[in-house]
Amino acid sequence: PCLLTTSIDISDWNEAERRYQAIFEKSHE
């Protein structure tokens, strides 16, 4: 038996998601 894992750094994705969410929520359009 073996275990294979992969990982990626999503810290940039989280920041992009926060920025998108702020634009979406605060936009006047």
PDB file of all heavy atoms in Angstrom:
ATOM      1  N   PRO A   1       0.840  -1.194   0.000  1.00  0.00           N
ATOM      2  CA  PRO A   1       0.000   0.000   0.000  1.00  0.00           C
ATOM      3  C   PRO A   1       0.882   1.253   0.000  1.00  0.00           C
ATOM      4  O   PRO A   1       1.969   1.258   0.578  1.00  0.00           O
ATOM      5  CB  PRO A   1      -0.799  -0.090   1.289  1.00  0.00           C
ATOM      6  CG  PRO A   1      -0.291  -1.256   2.040  1.00  0.00           C
ATOM      7  CD  PRO A   1       0.712  -1.970   1.209  1.00  0.00           C
ATOM      8  N   CYS A   2       0.412   2.262  -0.684  1.00  0.00           N
ATOM      9  CA  CYS A   2       1.154   3.522  -0.682  1.00  0.00           C
ATOM     10  C   CYS A   2       0.170   4.676  -0.702  1.00  0.00           C
ATOM     11  O   CYS A   2      -1.015   4.515  -0.998  1.00  0.00           O
ATOM     12  CB  CYS A   2       2.110   3.593  -1.860  1.00  0.00           C
ATOM     13  SG  CYS A   2       1.291   3.748  -3.431  1.00  0.00           S
ATOM     14  N   LEU A   3       0.658   5.843  -0.412  1.00  0.00           N
ATOM     15  CA  LEU A   3      -0.150   7.051  -0.399  1.00  0.00           C
ATOM     16  C   LEU A   3       0.550   8.068  -1.274  1.00  0.00           C
ATOM     17  O   LEU A   3       1.738   8.349  -1.088  1.00  0.00           O
ATOM     18  CB  LEU A   3      -0.285   7.581   1.038  1.00  0.00           C
ATOM     19  CG  LEU A   3      -0.995   8.910   1.201  1.00  0.00           C
ATOM     20  CD1 LEU A   3      -2.451   8.788   0.780  1.00  0.00           C
ATOM     21  CD2 LEU A   3      -0.885   9.378   2.638  1.00  0.00           C
ATOM     22  N   LEU A   4      -0.166   8.615  -2.221  1.00  0.00           N
ATOM     23  CA  LEU A   4       0.376   9.621  -3.115  1.00  0.00           C
ATOM     24  C   LEU A   4      -0.387  10.913  -2.857  1.00  0.00           C
ATOM     25  O   LEU A   4      -1.622  10.939  -2.870  1.00  0.00           O
ATOM     26  CB  LEU A   4       0.196   9.194  -4.576  1.00  0.00           C
ATOM     27  CG  LEU A   4       0.632  10.205  -5.619  1.00  0.00           C
ATOM     28  CD1 LEU A   4       2.129  10.453  -5.526  1.00  0.00           C
ATOM     29  CD2 LEU A   4       0.249   9.712  -6.997  1.00  0.00           C
ATOM     30  N   THR A   5       0.316  11.983  -2.600  1.00  0.00           N
ATOM     31  CA  THR A   5      -0.333  13.272  -2.354  1.00  0.00           C
ATOM     32  C   THR A   5       0.303  14.329  -3.235  1.00  0.00           C
ATOM     33  O   THR A   5       1.454  14.204  -3.649  1.00  0.00           O
ATOM     34  CB  THR A   5      -0.196  13.707  -0.888  1.00  0.00           C
ATOM     35  OG1 THR A   5       1.183  13.898  -0.586  1.00  0.00           O
ATOM     36  CG2 THR A   5      -0.790  12.691   0.046  1.00  0.00           C
ATOM     37  N   THR A   6      -0.467  15.340  -3.515  1.00  0.00           N
ATOM     38  CA  THR A   6       0.053  16.512  -4.210  1.00  0.00           C
ATOM     39  C   THR A   6      -0.418  17.732  -3.444  1.00  0.00           C
ATOM     40  O   THR A   6      -1.452  17.712  -2.775  1.00  0.00           O
ATOM     41  CB  THR A   6      -0.459  16.598  -5.664  1.00  0.00           C
ATOM     42  OG1 THR A   6      -1.874  16.647  -5.652  1.00  0.00           O
ATOM     43  CG2 THR A   6       0.015  15.417  -6.486  1.00  0.00           C
ATOM     44  N   SER A   7       0.330  18.779  -3.544  1.00  0.00           N
ATOM     45  CA  SER A   7      -0.080  20.013  -2.888  1.00  0.00           C
ATOM     46  C   SER A   7       0.330  21.191  -3.753  1.00  0.00           C
ATOM     47  O   SER A   7       1.307  21.116  -4.503  1.00  0.00           O
ATOM     48  CB  SER A   7       0.535  20.129  -1.495  1.00  0.00           C
ATOM     49  OG  SER A   7       1.936  20.207  -1.593  1.00  0.00           O
ATOM     50  N   ILE A   8      -0.450  22.242  -3.650  1.00  0.00           N
ATOM     51  CA  ILE A   8      -0.127  23.475  -4.345  1.00  0.00           C
ATOM     52  C   ILE A   8      -0.383  24.636  -3.394  1.00  0.00           C
ATOM     53  O   ILE A   8      -1.219  24.547  -2.494  1.00  0.00           O
ATOM     54  CB  ILE A   8      -0.955  23.653  -5.631  1.00  0.00           C
ATOM     55  CG1 ILE A   8      -2.455  23.593  -5.335  1.00  0.00           C
ATOM     56  CG2 ILE A   8      -0.577  22.639  -6.694  1.00  0.00           C
ATOM     57  CD1 ILE A   8      -3.340  23.929  -6.520  1.00  0.00           C
ATOM     58  N   ASP A   9       0.355  25.680  -3.584  1.00  0.00           N
ATOM     59  CA  ASP A   9       0.198  26.871  -2.762  1.00  0.00           C
ATOM     60  C   ASP A   9      -0.965  27.692  -3.318  1.00  0.00           C
ATOM     61  O   ASP A   9      -0.905  28.183  -4.439  1.00  0.00           O
ATOM     62  CB  ASP A   9       1.485  27.689  -2.795  1.00  0.00           C
ATOM     63  CG  ASP A   9       1.411  28.948  -1.944  1.00  0.00           C
ATOM     64  OD1 ASP A   9       0.368  29.195  -1.311  1.00  0.00           O
ATOM     65  OD2 ASP A   9       2.413  29.693  -1.924  1.00  0.00           O
ATOM     66  N   ILE A  10      -2.028  27.825  -2.545  1.00  0.00           N
ATOM     67  CA  ILE A  10      -3.199  28.571  -3.012  1.00  0.00           C
ATOM     68  C   ILE A  10      -3.316  29.945  -2.347  1.00  0.00           C
ATOM     69  O   ILE A  10      -4.343  30.607  -2.470  1.00  0.00           O
ATOM     70  CB  ILE A  10      -4.504  27.774  -2.799  1.00  0.00           C
ATOM     71  CG1 ILE A  10      -4.749  27.500  -1.313  1.00  0.00           C
ATOM     72  CG2 ILE A  10      -4.499  26.501  -3.621  1.00  0.00           C
ATOM     73  CD1 ILE A  10      -6.134  27.010  -1.017  1.00  0.00           C
ATOM     74  N   SER A  11      -2.271  30.397  -1.697  1.00  0.00           N
ATOM     75  CA  SER A  11      -2.344  31.687  -1.007  1.00  0.00           C
ATOM     76  C   SER A  11      -2.637  32.814  -1.991  1.00  0.00           C
ATOM     77  O   SER A  11      -3.400  33.734  -1.678  1.00  0.00           O
ATOM     78  CB  SER A  11      -1.070  31.963  -0.223  1.00  0.00           C
ATOM     79  OG  SER A  11       0.066  31.909  -1.067  1.00  0.00           O
ATOM     80  N   ASP A  12      -2.071  32.766  -3.206  1.00  0.00           N
ATOM     81  CA  ASP A  12      -2.384  33.786  -4.203  1.00  0.00           C
ATOM     82  C   ASP A  12      -3.831  33.699  -4.644  1.00  0.00           C
ATOM     83  O   ASP A  12      -4.479  34.704  -4.904  1.00  0.00           O
ATOM     84  CB  ASP A  12      -1.465  33.658  -5.420  1.00  0.00           C
ATOM     85  CG  ASP A  12      -0.030  34.096  -5.114  1.00  0.00           C
ATOM     86  OD1 ASP A  12       0.166  34.829  -4.131  1.00  0.00           O
ATOM     87  OD2 ASP A  12       0.870  33.703  -5.867  1.00  0.00           O
ATOM     88  N   TRP A  13      -4.374  32.488  -4.755  1.00  0.00           N
ATOM     89  CA  TRP A  13      -5.767  32.314  -5.131  1.00  0.00           C
ATOM     90  C   TRP A  13      -6.680  32.912  -4.078  1.00  0.00           C
ATOM     91  O   TRP A  13      -7.685  33.540  -4.397  1.00  0.00           O
ATOM     92  CB  TRP A  13      -6.108  30.852  -5.323  1.00  0.00           C
ATOM     93  CG  TRP A  13      -5.440  30.194  -6.483  1.00  0.00           C
ATOM     94  CD1 TRP A  13      -4.608  30.763  -7.405  1.00  0.00           C
ATOM     95  CD2 TRP A  13      -5.542  28.826  -6.840  1.00  0.00           C
ATOM     96  NE1 TRP A  13      -4.193  29.830  -8.312  1.00  0.00           N
ATOM     97  CE2 TRP A  13      -4.747  28.631  -7.990  1.00  0.00           C
ATOM     98  CE3 TRP A  13      -6.218  27.752  -6.296  1.00  0.00           C
ATOM     99  CZ2 TRP A  13      -4.629  27.393  -8.597  1.00  0.00           C
ATOM    100  CZ3 TRP A  13      -6.096  26.520  -6.915  1.00  0.00           C
ATOM    101  CH2 TRP A  13      -5.311  26.344  -8.053  1.00  0.00           C
ATOM    102  N   ASN A  14      -6.337  32.693  -2.808  1.00  0.00           N
ATOM    103  CA  ASN A  14      -7.159  33.234  -1.723  1.00  0.00           C
ATOM    104  C   ASN A  14      -7.188  34.757  -1.771  1.00  0.00           C
ATOM    105  O   ASN A  14      -8.235  35.360  -1.561  1.00  0.00           O
ATOM    106  CB  ASN A  14      -6.657  32.754  -0.366  1.00  0.00           C
ATOM    107  CG  ASN A  14      -6.918  31.275  -0.155  1.00  0.00           C
ATOM    108  OD1 ASN A  14      -7.830  30.709  -0.738  1.00  0.00           O
ATOM    109  ND2 ASN A  14      -6.104  30.655   0.668  1.00  0.00           N
ATOM    110  N   GLU A  15      -6.058  35.374  -2.049  1.00  0.00           N
ATOM    111  CA  GLU A  15      -5.993  36.829  -2.147  1.00  0.00           C
ATOM    112  C   GLU A  15      -6.806  37.312  -3.344  1.00  0.00           C
ATOM    113  O   GLU A  15      -7.545  38.285  -3.251  1.00  0.00           O
ATOM    114  CB  GLU A  15      -4.550  37.312  -2.270  1.00  0.00           C
ATOM    115  CG  GLU A  15      -4.403  38.816  -2.370  1.00  0.00           C
ATOM    116  CD  GLU A  15      -4.969  39.587  -1.188  1.00  0.00           C
ATOM    117  OE1 GLU A  15      -5.021  39.041  -0.067  1.00  0.00           O
ATOM    118  OE2 GLU A  15      -5.381  40.745  -1.388  1.00  0.00           O
ATOM    119  N   ALA A  16      -6.704  36.631  -4.463  1.00  0.00           N
ATOM    120  CA  ALA A  16      -7.481  36.993  -5.647  1.00  0.00           C
ATOM    121  C   ALA A  16      -8.975  36.853  -5.369  1.00  0.00           C
ATOM    122  O   ALA A  16      -9.773  37.699  -5.787  1.00  0.00           O
ATOM    123  CB  ALA A  16      -7.069  36.129  -6.837  1.00  0.00           C
ATOM    124  N   GLU A  17      -9.352  35.809  -4.664  1.00  0.00           N
ATOM    125  CA  GLU A  17     -10.761  35.603  -4.318  1.00  0.00           C
ATOM    126  C   GLU A  17     -11.261  36.726  -3.408  1.00  0.00           C
ATOM    127  O   GLU A  17     -12.364  37.239  -3.589  1.00  0.00           O
ATOM    128  CB  GLU A  17     -10.953  34.253  -3.638  1.00  0.00           C
ATOM    129  CG  GLU A  17     -12.360  33.982  -3.151  1.00  0.00           C
ATOM    130  CD  GLU A  17     -13.399  33.856  -4.262  1.00  0.00           C
ATOM    131  OE1 GLU A  17     -13.015  33.546  -5.407  1.00  0.00           O
ATOM    132  OE2 GLU A  17     -14.587  34.092  -3.990  1.00  0.00           O
ATOM    133  N   ARG A  18     -10.450  37.132  -2.448  1.00  0.00           N
ATOM    134  CA  ARG A  18     -10.837  38.232  -1.548  1.00  0.00           C
ATOM    135  C   ARG A  18     -11.027  39.532  -2.333  1.00  0.00           C
ATOM    136  O   ARG A  18     -11.969  40.287  -2.100  1.00  0.00           O
ATOM    137  CB  ARG A  18      -9.808  38.417  -0.439  1.00  0.00           C
ATOM    138  CG  ARG A  18      -9.943  37.423   0.691  1.00  0.00           C
ATOM    139  CD  ARG A  18      -9.073  37.811   1.880  1.00  0.00           C
ATOM    140  NE  ARG A  18      -7.653  37.695   1.614  1.00  0.00           N
ATOM    141  CZ  ARG A  18      -6.943  36.567   1.696  1.00  0.00           C
ATOM    142  NH1 ARG A  18      -7.540  35.456   2.067  1.00  0.00           N
ATOM    143  NH2 ARG A  18      -5.665  36.549   1.445  1.00  0.00           N
ATOM    144  N   ARG A  19     -10.129  39.782  -3.278  1.00  0.00           N
ATOM    145  CA  ARG A  19     -10.236  41.002  -4.088  1.00  0.00           C
ATOM    146  C   ARG A  19     -11.483  40.967  -4.961  1.00  0.00           C
ATOM    147  O   ARG A  19     -12.205  41.954  -5.074  1.00  0.00           O
ATOM    148  CB  ARG A  19      -8.995  41.173  -4.953  1.00  0.00           C
ATOM    149  CG  ARG A  19      -7.790  41.585  -4.156  1.00  0.00           C
ATOM    150  CD  ARG A  19      -6.600  41.761  -5.039  1.00  0.00           C
ATOM    151  NE  ARG A  19      -5.435  42.122  -4.244  1.00  0.00           N
ATOM    152  CZ  ARG A  19      -4.266  42.369  -4.749  1.00  0.00           C
ATOM    153  NH1 ARG A  19      -4.066  42.282  -6.054  1.00  0.00           N
ATOM    154  NH2 ARG A  19      -3.258  42.693  -3.969  1.00  0.00           N
ATOM    155  N   TYR A  20     -11.723  39.843  -5.599  1.00  0.00           N
ATOM    156  CA  TYR A  20     -12.916  39.699  -6.433  1.00  0.00           C
ATOM    157  C   TYR A  20     -14.173  39.908  -5.585  1.00  0.00           C
ATOM    158  O   TYR A  20     -15.089  40.621  -5.986  1.00  0.00           O
ATOM    159  CB  TYR A  20     -12.956  38.326  -7.103  1.00  0.00           C
ATOM    160  CG  TYR A  20     -14.289  38.041  -7.756  1.00  0.00           C
ATOM    161  CD1 TYR A  20     -14.601  38.602  -8.987  1.00  0.00           C
ATOM    162  CD2 TYR A  20     -15.236  37.249  -7.118  1.00  0.00           C
ATOM    163  CE1 TYR A  20     -15.832  38.370  -9.569  1.00  0.00           C
ATOM    164  CE2 TYR A  20     -16.470  37.020  -7.703  1.00  0.00           C
ATOM    165  CZ  TYR A  20     -16.765  37.576  -8.929  1.00  0.00           C
ATOM    166  OH  TYR A  20     -17.990  37.345  -9.487  1.00  0.00           O
ATOM    167  N   GLN A  21     -14.219  39.297  -4.433  1.00  0.00           N
ATOM    168  CA  GLN A  21     -15.383  39.410  -3.554  1.00  0.00           C
ATOM    169  C   GLN A  21     -15.617  40.858  -3.149  1.00  0.00           C
ATOM    170  O   GLN A  21     -16.763  41.324  -3.130  1.00  0.00           O
ATOM    171  CB  GLN A  21     -15.207  38.524  -2.317  1.00  0.00           C
ATOM    172  CG  GLN A  21     -16.446  38.394  -1.475  1.00  0.00           C
ATOM    173  CD  GLN A  21     -17.557  37.637  -2.185  1.00  0.00           C
ATOM    174  OE1 GLN A  21     -17.309  36.760  -2.996  1.00  0.00           O
ATOM    175  NE2 GLN A  21     -18.778  37.980  -1.891  1.00  0.00           N
ATOM    176  N   ALA A  22     -14.554  41.591  -2.847  1.00  0.00           N
ATOM    177  CA  ALA A  22     -14.691  42.995  -2.462  1.00  0.00           C
ATOM    178  C   ALA A  22     -15.240  43.825  -3.617  1.00  0.00           C
ATOM    179  O   ALA A  22     -16.128  44.665  -3.433  1.00  0.00           O
ATOM    180  CB  ALA A  22     -13.345  43.549  -1.995  1.00  0.00           C
ATOM    181  N   ILE A  23     -14.740  43.587  -4.827  1.00  0.00           N
ATOM    182  CA  ILE A  23     -15.241  44.305  -6.001  1.00  0.00           C
ATOM    183  C   ILE A  23     -16.707  43.974  -6.218  1.00  0.00           C
ATOM    184  O   ILE A  23     -17.538  44.858  -6.441  1.00  0.00           O
ATOM    185  CB  ILE A  23     -14.410  43.954  -7.253  1.00  0.00           C
ATOM    186  CG1 ILE A  23     -12.993  44.532  -7.116  1.00  0.00           C
ATOM    187  CG2 ILE A  23     -15.091  44.444  -8.525  1.00  0.00           C
ATOM    188  CD1 ILE A  23     -12.015  44.010  -8.144  1.00  0.00           C
ATOM    189  N   PHE A  24     -17.041  42.714  -6.144  1.00  0.00           N
ATOM    190  CA  PHE A  24     -18.411  42.253  -6.369  1.00  0.00           C
ATOM    191  C   PHE A  24     -19.364  42.882  -5.362  1.00  0.00           C
ATOM    192  O   PHE A  24     -20.424  43.390  -5.725  1.00  0.00           O
ATOM    193  CB  PHE A  24     -18.451  40.726  -6.277  1.00  0.00           C
ATOM    194  CG  PHE A  24     -19.786  40.125  -6.603  1.00  0.00           C
ATOM    195  CD1 PHE A  24     -20.159  39.902  -7.912  1.00  0.00           C
ATOM    196  CD2 PHE A  24     -20.665  39.763  -5.585  1.00  0.00           C
ATOM    197  CE1 PHE A  24     -21.390  39.341  -8.222  1.00  0.00           C
ATOM    198  CE2 PHE A  24     -21.891  39.201  -5.882  1.00  0.00           C
ATOM    199  CZ  PHE A  24     -22.254  38.990  -7.203  1.00  0.00           C
ATOM    200  N   GLU A  25     -19.004  42.860  -4.103  1.00  0.00           N
ATOM    201  CA  GLU A  25     -19.898  43.347  -3.045  1.00  0.00           C
ATOM    202  C   GLU A  25     -20.003  44.872  -3.004  1.00  0.00           C
ATOM    203  O   GLU A  25     -21.060  45.404  -2.686  1.00  0.00           O
ATOM    204  CB  GLU A  25     -19.434  42.830  -1.684  1.00  0.00           C
ATOM    205  CG  GLU A  25     -19.562  41.331  -1.508  1.00  0.00           C
ATOM    206  CD  GLU A  25     -20.999  40.847  -1.500  1.00  0.00           C
ATOM    207  OE1 GLU A  25     -21.877  41.578  -1.016  1.00  0.00           O
ATOM    208  OE2 GLU A  25     -21.238  39.726  -1.984  1.00  0.00           O
ATOM    209  N   LYS A  26     -18.918  45.590  -3.318  1.00  0.00           N
ATOM    210  CA  LYS A  26     -18.896  47.044  -3.132  1.00  0.00           C
ATOM    211  C   LYS A  26     -19.147  47.847  -4.399  1.00  0.00           C
ATOM    212  O   LYS A  26     -19.272  49.071  -4.339  1.00  0.00           O
ATOM    213  CB  LYS A  26     -17.568  47.447  -2.514  1.00  0.00           C
ATOM    214  CG  LYS A  26     -17.401  46.881  -1.117  1.00  0.00           C
ATOM    215  CD  LYS A  26     -16.073  47.230  -0.519  1.00  0.00           C
ATOM    216  CE  LYS A  26     -15.961  46.589   0.860  1.00  0.00           C
ATOM    217  NZ  LYS A  26     -14.709  46.877   1.512  1.00  0.00           N
ATOM    218  N   SER A  27     -19.227  47.197  -5.536  1.00  0.00           N
ATOM    219  CA  SER A  27     -19.430  47.903  -6.799  1.00  0.00           C
ATOM    220  C   SER A  27     -20.777  48.618  -6.811  1.00  0.00           C
ATOM    221  O   SER A  27     -21.771  48.124  -6.277  1.00  0.00           O
ATOM    222  CB  SER A  27     -19.371  46.906  -7.959  1.00  0.00           C
ATOM    223  OG  SER A  27     -19.671  47.576  -9.165  1.00  0.00           O
ATOM    224  N   HIS A  28     -20.811  49.787  -7.437  1.00  0.00           N
ATOM    225  CA  HIS A  28     -22.069  50.513  -7.586  1.00  0.00           C
ATOM    226  C   HIS A  28     -22.854  50.007  -8.796  1.00  0.00           C
ATOM    227  O   HIS A  28     -24.033  50.311  -8.932  1.00  0.00           O
ATOM    228  CB  HIS A  28     -21.806  52.007  -7.742  1.00  0.00           C
ATOM    229  CG  HIS A  28     -21.244  52.619  -6.504  1.00  0.00           C
ATOM    230  ND1 HIS A  28     -22.008  52.894  -5.393  1.00  0.00           N
ATOM    231  CD2 HIS A  28     -19.981  52.981  -6.185  1.00  0.00           C
ATOM    232  CE1 HIS A  28     -21.248  53.409  -4.446  1.00  0.00           C
ATOM    233  NE2 HIS A  28     -20.014  53.468  -4.899  1.00  0.00           N
ATOM    234  N   GLU A  29     -22.198  49.253  -9.663  1.00  0.00           N
ATOM    235  CA  GLU A  29     -22.851  48.665 -10.824  1.00  0.00           C
ATOM    236  C   GLU A  29     -23.449  47.317 -10.448  1.00  0.00           C
ATOM    237  O   GLU A  29     -22.938  46.620  -9.589  1.00  0.00           O
ATOM    238  CB  GLU A  29     -21.858  48.453 -11.975  1.00  0.00           C
ATOM    239  CG  GLU A  29     -21.386  49.741 -12.619  1.00  0.00           C
ATOM    240  CD  GLU A  29     -20.291  50.432 -11.815  1.00  0.00           C
ATOM    241  OE1 GLU A  29     -19.614  49.743 -11.036  1.00  0.00           O
ATOM    242  OE2 GLU A  29     -20.133  51.645 -11.966  1.00  0.00           O
TER     243      GLU A  29
END
